[in-house]
């Protein structure tokens, strides 16, 4: 992960740690928590948290992964914790929303040539 984070060609790549299976391995030991926390603290703009819970029927299910990450969250700097839990999401998705609206204004309603036919589009010679 460090290699990807430090590669300028991959500065658009972010790491979503919302899956409970990922959380399970990160918090498996104090050593793994320390290693991941150190990486997030060094690169606070590159990590995002999400619940990874689809249509929970109760709050406990929604908070399951968040609660699993308690040891990790305790090791993050205040800046890294804020960015991990909400700041990076807000920054990335707000920017994406603006870019999509700009693209829509420039492209929706314009006639575009059809895409070239390829084997994956069902075109067979």
Protein backbone atom coordinates (compact mmCIF):
# COMPACT_ATOMS: atom_id res chain seq x y z
CA UNK A 1 0.00 0.00 0.00
CA UNK A 2 2.81 2.40 0.80
CA UNK A 3 4.23 1.89 -2.68
CA UNK A 4 0.89 2.77 -4.25
CA UNK A 5 0.40 5.77 -1.97
CA UNK A 6 3.86 7.10 -2.78
CA UNK A 7 3.47 6.62 -6.55
CA UNK A 8 2.52 10.03 -8.07
CA UNK A 9 0.76 8.26 -10.95
CA UNK A 10 -1.66 6.79 -8.38
CA UNK A 11 -2.46 9.96 -6.45
CA UNK A 12 -6.12 9.44 -7.40
CA UNK A 13 -6.29 6.09 -5.58
CA UNK A 14 -7.96 5.96 -2.16
CA UNK A 15 -8.41 3.09 0.27
CA UNK A 16 -11.88 2.30 1.60
CA UNK A 17 -11.57 0.40 4.88
CA UNK A 18 -15.29 -0.08 5.43
CA UNK A 19 -15.51 -3.84 5.03
CA UNK A 20 -15.89 -5.71 8.32
CA UNK A 21 -13.51 -8.40 7.06
CA UNK A 22 -10.83 -5.74 6.60
CA UNK A 23 -11.54 -4.37 10.07
CA UNK A 24 -11.24 -7.86 11.54
CA UNK A 25 -7.67 -8.23 10.26
CA UNK A 26 -6.61 -4.67 11.08
CA UNK A 27 -7.63 -4.98 14.74
CA UNK A 28 -6.40 -8.55 15.19
CA UNK A 29 -3.37 -7.39 17.21
CA UNK A 30 -1.88 -4.25 18.70
CA UNK A 31 0.95 -4.55 16.16
CA UNK A 32 -1.42 -4.54 13.18
CA UNK A 33 -3.39 -1.63 14.64
CA UNK A 34 -0.17 0.33 15.16
CA UNK A 35 1.05 -0.38 11.62
CA UNK A 36 -2.21 0.66 9.94
CA UNK A 37 -2.65 3.69 12.22
CA UNK A 38 0.87 4.86 11.38
CA UNK A 39 0.15 4.57 7.66
CA UNK A 40 -3.14 6.48 7.96
CA UNK A 41 -1.45 9.14 10.10
CA UNK A 42 1.28 9.55 7.44
CA UNK A 43 -1.26 9.71 4.60
CA UNK A 44 -4.51 11.01 6.13
CA UNK A 45 -5.95 12.10 2.76
CA UNK A 46 -5.93 8.60 1.26
CA UNK A 47 -8.22 6.55 3.54
CA UNK A 48 -11.99 6.46 3.92
CA UNK A 49 -14.33 4.79 6.34
CA UNK A 50 -17.81 3.55 5.52
CA UNK A 51 -20.25 1.28 7.30
CA UNK A 52 -20.42 -1.32 4.50
CA UNK A 53 -23.85 -2.18 5.85
CA UNK A 54 -26.70 -2.53 3.35
CA UNK A 55 -30.18 -1.66 4.66
CA UNK A 56 -29.53 -2.40 8.33
CA UNK A 57 -32.67 -3.07 10.34
CA UNK A 58 -31.16 -1.79 13.58
CA UNK A 59 -28.51 0.71 14.60
CA UNK A 60 -26.25 -1.98 16.11
CA UNK A 61 -25.77 -3.57 12.69
CA UNK A 62 -24.93 -0.18 11.21
CA UNK A 63 -22.33 0.51 13.92
CA UNK A 64 -20.73 -2.95 13.88
CA UNK A 65 -17.71 -2.03 11.74
CA UNK A 66 -17.31 1.37 13.41
CA UNK A 67 -17.15 -0.30 16.82
CA UNK A 68 -14.65 -2.88 15.53
CA UNK A 69 -12.35 0.01 14.57
CA UNK A 70 -12.26 1.50 18.11
CA UNK A 71 -8.62 0.41 18.68
CA UNK A 72 -7.57 1.93 15.33
CA UNK A 73 -9.46 5.18 15.88
CA UNK A 74 -7.79 5.57 19.27
CA UNK A 75 -4.37 5.57 17.55
CA UNK A 76 -5.15 8.15 14.87
CA UNK A 77 -4.24 11.81 15.17
CA UNK A 78 -7.27 14.11 15.43
CA UNK A 79 -6.69 15.29 11.84
CA UNK A 80 -6.36 11.74 10.47
CA UNK A 81 -9.41 10.53 12.41
CA UNK A 82 -11.57 13.39 11.11
CA UNK A 83 -10.45 12.81 7.51
CA UNK A 84 -10.86 9.03 7.80
CA UNK A 85 -14.37 9.21 9.25
CA UNK A 86 -15.84 12.04 7.17
CA UNK A 87 -13.48 14.64 5.73
CA UNK A 88 -12.13 12.58 2.85
CA UNK A 89 -15.60 11.39 1.89
CA UNK A 90 -16.89 14.97 1.83
CA UNK A 91 -13.91 16.20 -0.19
CA UNK A 92 -13.90 13.37 -2.74
CA UNK A 93 -17.64 13.08 -3.26
CA UNK A 94 -18.32 16.83 -3.26
CA UNK A 95 -15.64 17.28 -5.93
CA UNK A 96 -17.00 14.34 -7.93
CA UNK A 97 -20.53 15.75 -7.75
CA UNK A 98 -19.35 19.09 -9.13
CA UNK A 99 -17.40 17.40 -11.91
CA UNK A 100 -20.38 15.26 -12.88
CA UNK A 101 -22.68 18.32 -13.02
CA UNK A 102 -20.09 20.13 -15.19
CA UNK A 103 -19.84 17.13 -17.50
CA UNK A 104 -23.64 16.89 -17.72
CA UNK A 105 -23.96 20.56 -18.66
CA UNK A 106 -21.36 20.12 -21.38
CA UNK A 107 -22.60 16.78 -22.75
CA UNK A 108 -26.21 15.89 -21.97
CA UNK A 109 -28.40 16.36 -24.99
CA UNK A 110 -25.53 16.44 -27.46
CA UNK A 111 -25.58 13.98 -30.28
CA UNK A 112 -22.61 11.70 -30.07
CA UNK A 113 -21.44 9.19 -32.62
CA UNK A 114 -22.24 5.59 -31.76
CA UNK A 115 -19.53 3.63 -30.02
CA UNK A 116 -17.49 1.36 -32.26
CA UNK A 117 -18.75 -2.17 -32.42
CA UNK A 118 -16.58 -4.62 -30.55
CA UNK A 119 -16.85 -8.30 -29.66
CA UNK A 120 -17.84 -7.32 -26.10
CA UNK A 121 -20.73 -5.18 -27.41
CA UNK A 122 -22.16 -8.21 -29.21
CA UNK A 123 -20.78 -7.37 -32.61
CA UNK A 124 -19.53 -10.43 -34.43
CA UNK A 125 -17.97 -10.32 -37.89
